[in-house]
Amino acid sequence: MQIWEARGARADAMLKLDDGDVPGARSALDSLIDALTEAGAAMRPELAQAHIDRATVERLANDWGAALSDLDTAESIAGQLGFFPRQAVLTNLDNLRARIHSTSYAAVFDLALAQSAVDRLSATWSGHWMVDELESHIAFQRRDWDRAATKALRA
C-alpha cells in the first residue's frame, strides 16, 4: 500500500462518516488499519492517523472506551516516529482526547484529563485558535463564564 492510497482510504472512510454511515466508516477504517499494520514502518504515521480517525468515529458513536483505546494505540505509534510526524499525530490525538474527556454526557467525562490534553497542545500551539476553543469549552463546562467568553472570542 502506498501513502496516497492510505490517505485516500482514510478520506473515503471519513466521507462515509460525514454521510451518517457510522458502521461503514468504522468498517472501512478497521480494514485500513489491518492493511497498514502489515505495511511496515514507513506507514506508521498513516497507521496512527487511521487510529485517530477511528477514534473520531467511535466518539461520535459514544463508544468512549474504544475511542480512548485507539488514541492510546496512536500515541504508542507516535513514540516510534520522527519529530515532525510525531507532532502531527500528537496534535490530532490531544485535540480529540480533550474533546472526549470534556463531553459532559460521556462515560469518561473528566475535565482534569481534558485540561491535561489541552495543556499538552498549548505547549506546542500556544495561542492557537484550537487551544482557545478547547479552553473555552472546558471553562464553559466548569461554569467559568468569563473565561469561556474570553477564550471563545479569541478562538
C-alpha atoms as a PDB file:
ATOM      1  CA  MET A   1       0.000   0.000   0.000  1.00  0.00           C
ATOM      2  CA  GLN A   2       1.225   3.478  -0.901  1.00  0.00           C
ATOM      3  CA  ILE A   3       0.796   6.592   1.242  1.00  0.00           C
ATOM      4  CA  TRP A   4      -1.592   8.154  -1.276  1.00  0.00           C
ATOM      5  CA  GLU A   5      -3.753   5.014  -1.165  1.00  0.00           C
ATOM      6  CA  ALA A   6      -3.873   5.088   2.637  1.00  0.00           C
ATOM      7  CA  ARG A   7      -4.774   8.785   2.692  1.00  0.00           C
ATOM      8  CA  GLY A   8      -7.455   8.224   0.068  1.00  0.00           C
ATOM      9  CA  ALA A   9      -8.908   5.330   2.059  1.00  0.00           C
ATOM     10  CA  ARG A  10      -8.926   7.471   5.229  1.00  0.00           C
ATOM     11  CA  ALA A  11     -10.670  10.285   3.372  1.00  0.00           C
ATOM     12  CA  ASP A  12     -13.252   7.881   1.915  1.00  0.00           C
ATOM     13  CA  ALA A  13     -13.965   6.446   5.373  1.00  0.00           C
ATOM     14  CA  MET A  14     -14.439   9.901   6.851  1.00  0.00           C
ATOM     15  CA  LEU A  15     -16.755  10.844   3.979  1.00  0.00           C
ATOM     16  CA  LYS A  16     -18.884   7.865   4.986  1.00  0.00           C
ATOM     17  CA  LEU A  17     -18.985   9.313   8.469  1.00  0.00           C
ATOM     18  CA  ASP A  18     -19.983  12.706   7.060  1.00  0.00           C
ATOM     19  CA  ASP A  19     -22.826  10.952   5.224  1.00  0.00           C
ATOM     20  CA  GLY A  20     -24.007   9.399   8.503  1.00  0.00           C
ATOM     21  CA  ASP A  21     -22.769   5.893   7.750  1.00  0.00           C
ATOM     22  CA  VAL A  22     -21.054   5.252  11.088  1.00  0.00           C
ATOM     23  CA  PRO A  23     -20.860   1.442  10.681  1.00  0.00           C
ATOM     24  CA  GLY A  24     -19.494   1.832   7.144  1.00  0.00           C
ATOM     25  CA  ALA A  25     -16.867   4.336   8.282  1.00  0.00           C
ATOM     26  CA  ARG A  26     -15.799   2.107  11.148  1.00  0.00           C
ATOM     27  CA  SER A  27     -15.626  -0.966   8.916  1.00  0.00           C
ATOM     28  CA  ALA A  28     -13.561   0.899   6.315  1.00  0.00           C
ATOM     29  CA  LEU A  29     -11.151   2.110   8.993  1.00  0.00           C
ATOM     30  CA  ASP A  30     -10.923  -1.400  10.501  1.00  0.00           C
ATOM     31  CA  SER A  31      -9.862  -2.743   7.105  1.00  0.00           C
ATOM     32  CA  LEU A  32      -7.421   0.113   6.554  1.00  0.00           C
ATOM     33  CA  ILE A  33      -5.834  -0.365   9.975  1.00  0.00           C
ATOM     34  CA  ASP A  34      -5.401  -4.086   9.269  1.00  0.00           C
ATOM     35  CA  ALA A  35      -3.718  -3.285   5.943  1.00  0.00           C
ATOM     36  CA  LEU A  36      -1.489  -0.580   7.445  1.00  0.00           C
ATOM     37  CA  THR A  37      -0.435  -2.817  10.319  1.00  0.00           C
ATOM     38  CA  GLU A  38       1.022  -5.207   7.741  1.00  0.00           C
ATOM     39  CA  ALA A  39       2.562  -2.404   5.633  1.00  0.00           C
ATOM     40  CA  GLY A  40       5.676  -1.729   7.705  1.00  0.00           C
ATOM     41  CA  ALA A  41       7.462   1.170   9.359  1.00  0.00           C
ATOM     42  CA  ALA A  42       7.066   3.658   6.509  1.00  0.00           C
ATOM     43  CA  MET A  43       3.312   3.624   7.022  1.00  0.00           C
ATOM     44  CA  ARG A  44       3.355   4.186  10.806  1.00  0.00           C
ATOM     45  CA  PRO A  45       2.276   7.857  10.566  1.00  0.00           C
ATOM     46  CA  GLU A  46      -0.714   6.812   8.439  1.00  0.00           C
ATOM     47  CA  LEU A  47      -1.496   3.960  10.839  1.00  0.00           C
ATOM     48  CA  ALA A  48      -1.514   6.368  13.787  1.00  0.00           C
ATOM     49  CA  GLN A  49      -3.776   8.800  11.916  1.00  0.00           C
ATOM     50  CA  ALA A  50      -6.121   5.938  10.959  1.00  0.00           C
ATOM     51  CA  HIS A  51      -6.434   5.039  14.650  1.00  0.00           C
ATOM     52  CA  ILE A  52      -7.273   8.684  15.391  1.00  0.00           C
ATOM     53  CA  ASP A  53      -9.880   8.674  12.614  1.00  0.00           C
ATOM     54  CA  ARG A  54     -11.419   5.506  14.023  1.00  0.00           C
ATOM     55  CA  ALA A  55     -11.429   7.109  17.485  1.00  0.00           C
ATOM     56  CA  THR A  56     -13.369  10.006  15.942  1.00  0.00           C
ATOM     57  CA  VAL A  57     -15.947   7.567  14.583  1.00  0.00           C
ATOM     58  CA  GLU A  58     -16.123   5.789  17.946  1.00  0.00           C
ATOM     59  CA  ARG A  59     -16.536   9.109  19.769  1.00  0.00           C
ATOM     60  CA  LEU A  60     -19.493  10.008  17.590  1.00  0.00           C
ATOM     61  CA  ALA A  61     -20.957   6.540  18.291  1.00  0.00           C
ATOM     62  CA  ASN A  62     -20.486   7.153  22.043  1.00  0.00           C
ATOM     63  CA  ASP A  63     -18.064   4.213  22.241  1.00  0.00           C
ATOM     64  CA  TRP A  64     -15.789   6.039  24.668  1.00  0.00           C
ATOM     65  CA  GLY A  65     -13.600   3.119  25.739  1.00  0.00           C
ATOM     66  CA  ALA A  66     -12.834   2.072  22.175  1.00  0.00           C
ATOM     67  CA  ALA A  67     -12.065   5.678  21.218  1.00  0.00           C
ATOM     68  CA  LEU A  68      -9.604   6.084  24.091  1.00  0.00           C
ATOM     69  CA  SER A  69      -8.047   2.703  23.305  1.00  0.00           C
ATOM     70  CA  ASP A  70      -7.441   3.800  19.709  1.00  0.00           C
ATOM     71  CA  LEU A  71      -5.911   7.053  20.960  1.00  0.00           C
ATOM     72  CA  ASP A  72      -3.596   5.087  23.269  1.00  0.00           C
ATOM     73  CA  THR A  73      -2.533   2.946  20.303  1.00  0.00           C
ATOM     74  CA  ALA A  74      -1.915   6.059  18.184  1.00  0.00           C
ATOM     75  CA  GLU A  75       0.162   7.552  20.998  1.00  0.00           C
ATOM     76  CA  SER A  76       2.234   4.375  21.213  1.00  0.00           C
ATOM     77  CA  ILE A  77       2.856   4.505  17.461  1.00  0.00           C
ATOM     78  CA  ALA A  78       3.722   8.213  17.691  1.00  0.00           C
ATOM     79  CA  GLY A  79       6.545   7.334  20.059  1.00  0.00           C
ATOM     80  CA  GLN A  80       8.194   5.467  17.178  1.00  0.00           C
ATOM     81  CA  LEU A  81       8.052   8.429  14.779  1.00  0.00           C
ATOM     82  CA  GLY A  82      10.416  11.267  13.992  1.00  0.00           C
ATOM     83  CA  PHE A  83       9.766  14.731  15.406  1.00  0.00           C
ATOM     84  CA  PHE A  84       7.529  16.244  12.721  1.00  0.00           C
ATOM     85  CA  PRO A  85       5.304  13.204  12.066  1.00  0.00           C
ATOM     86  CA  ARG A  86       5.044  12.680  15.839  1.00  0.00           C
ATOM     87  CA  GLN A  87       3.935  16.292  16.384  1.00  0.00           C
ATOM     88  CA  ALA A  88       1.204  15.945  13.745  1.00  0.00           C
ATOM     89  CA  VAL A  89      -0.108  12.773  15.373  1.00  0.00           C
ATOM     90  CA  LEU A  90       0.062  14.170  18.915  1.00  0.00           C
ATOM     91  CA  THR A  91      -1.728  17.364  17.894  1.00  0.00           C
ATOM     92  CA  ASN A  92      -4.682  15.421  16.498  1.00  0.00           C
ATOM     93  CA  LEU A  93      -4.588  12.961  19.379  1.00  0.00           C
ATOM     94  CA  ASP A  94      -4.590  15.558  22.169  1.00  0.00           C
ATOM     95  CA  ASN A  95      -7.300  17.562  20.414  1.00  0.00           C
ATOM     96  CA  LEU A  96      -9.581  14.527  20.263  1.00  0.00           C
ATOM     97  CA  ARG A  97      -8.689  13.338  23.769  1.00  0.00           C
ATOM     98  CA  ALA A  98      -9.635  16.783  25.154  1.00  0.00           C
ATOM     99  CA  ARG A  99     -12.932  16.693  23.258  1.00  0.00           C
ATOM    100  CA  ILE A 100     -13.781  13.214  24.560  1.00  0.00           C
ATOM    101  CA  HIS A 101     -12.977  13.987  28.197  1.00  0.00           C
ATOM    102  CA  SER A 102     -14.826  17.331  28.082  1.00  0.00           C
ATOM    103  CA  THR A 103     -18.060  15.831  26.723  1.00  0.00           C
ATOM    104  CA  SER A 104     -20.429  16.171  29.651  1.00  0.00           C
ATOM    105  CA  TYR A 105     -22.527  13.094  28.825  1.00  0.00           C
ATOM    106  CA  ALA A 106     -19.532  10.835  28.130  1.00  0.00           C
ATOM    107  CA  ALA A 107     -18.919   7.937  30.474  1.00  0.00           C
ATOM    108  CA  VAL A 108     -15.292   9.154  30.590  1.00  0.00           C
ATOM    109  CA  PHE A 109     -16.112  12.809  31.352  1.00  0.00           C
ATOM    110  CA  ASP A 110     -13.134  14.204  33.273  1.00  0.00           C
ATOM    111  CA  LEU A 111     -12.256  17.872  32.997  1.00  0.00           C
ATOM    112  CA  ALA A 112      -8.847  17.336  34.615  1.00  0.00           C
ATOM    113  CA  LEU A 113      -7.891  14.870  31.851  1.00  0.00           C
ATOM    114  CA  ALA A 114      -9.341  17.218  29.231  1.00  0.00           C
ATOM    115  CA  GLN A 115      -7.287  20.100  30.634  1.00  0.00           C
ATOM    116  CA  SER A 116      -4.166  17.924  30.652  1.00  0.00           C
ATOM    117  CA  ALA A 117      -4.623  17.231  26.929  1.00  0.00           C
ATOM    118  CA  VAL A 118      -5.162  20.946  26.267  1.00  0.00           C
ATOM    119  CA  ASP A 119      -2.027  21.769  28.246  1.00  0.00           C
ATOM    120  CA  ARG A 120      -0.009  19.403  26.032  1.00  0.00           C
ATOM    121  CA  LEU A 121      -1.489  21.088  22.960  1.00  0.00           C
ATOM    122  CA  SER A 122      -0.732  24.503  24.374  1.00  0.00           C
ATOM    123  CA  ALA A 123       2.918  23.568  24.876  1.00  0.00           C
ATOM    124  CA  THR A 124       3.218  23.197  21.098  1.00  0.00           C
ATOM    125  CA  TRP A 125       0.474  25.509  19.845  1.00  0.00           C
ATOM    126  CA  SER A 126       0.288  28.305  22.423  1.00  0.00           C
ATOM    127  CA  GLY A 127      -2.171  30.971  21.309  1.00  0.00           C
ATOM    128  CA  HIS A 128      -3.605  28.817  18.518  1.00  0.00           C
ATOM    129  CA  TRP A 129      -7.370  29.104  17.979  1.00  0.00           C
ATOM    130  CA  MET A 130      -7.764  25.351  18.535  1.00  0.00           C
ATOM    131  CA  VAL A 131      -6.330  25.643  22.058  1.00  0.00           C
ATOM    132  CA  ASP A 132      -8.500  28.683  22.811  1.00  0.00           C
ATOM    133  CA  GLU A 133     -11.612  26.888  21.563  1.00  0.00           C
ATOM    134  CA  LEU A 134     -10.931  23.842  23.749  1.00  0.00           C
ATOM    135  CA  GLU A 135     -10.137  26.024  26.766  1.00  0.00           C
ATOM    136  CA  SER A 136     -13.410  27.886  26.190  1.00  0.00           C
ATOM    137  CA  HIS A 137     -15.325  24.605  26.127  1.00  0.00           C
ATOM    138  CA  ILE A 138     -13.690  23.390  29.342  1.00  0.00           C
ATOM    139  CA  ALA A 139     -14.337  26.734  31.050  1.00  0.00           C
ATOM    140  CA  PHE A 140     -17.969  26.515  29.946  1.00  0.00           C
ATOM    141  CA  GLN A 141     -18.233  23.048  31.498  1.00  0.00           C
ATOM    142  CA  ARG A 142     -16.798  24.485  34.724  1.00  0.00           C
ATOM    143  CA  ARG A 143     -19.278  27.371  34.542  1.00  0.00           C
ATOM    144  CA  ASP A 144     -16.409  29.859  34.436  1.00  0.00           C
ATOM    145  CA  TRP A 145     -18.386  32.157  32.164  1.00  0.00           C
ATOM    146  CA  ASP A 146     -15.851  34.996  31.910  1.00  0.00           C
ATOM    147  CA  ARG A 147     -13.023  32.684  30.871  1.00  0.00           C
ATOM    148  CA  ALA A 148     -15.301  30.783  28.498  1.00  0.00           C
ATOM    149  CA  ALA A 149     -16.339  34.008  26.789  1.00  0.00           C
ATOM    150  CA  THR A 150     -12.791  35.409  26.645  1.00  0.00           C
ATOM    151  CA  LYS A 151     -11.370  32.224  25.119  1.00  0.00           C
ATOM    152  CA  ALA A 152     -14.287  31.877  22.698  1.00  0.00           C
ATOM    153  CA  LEU A 153     -13.726  35.419  21.442  1.00  0.00           C
ATOM    154  CA  ARG A 154     -10.023  34.707  20.967  1.00  0.00           C
ATOM    155  CA  ALA A 155     -10.814  31.498  19.096  1.00  0.00           C
END
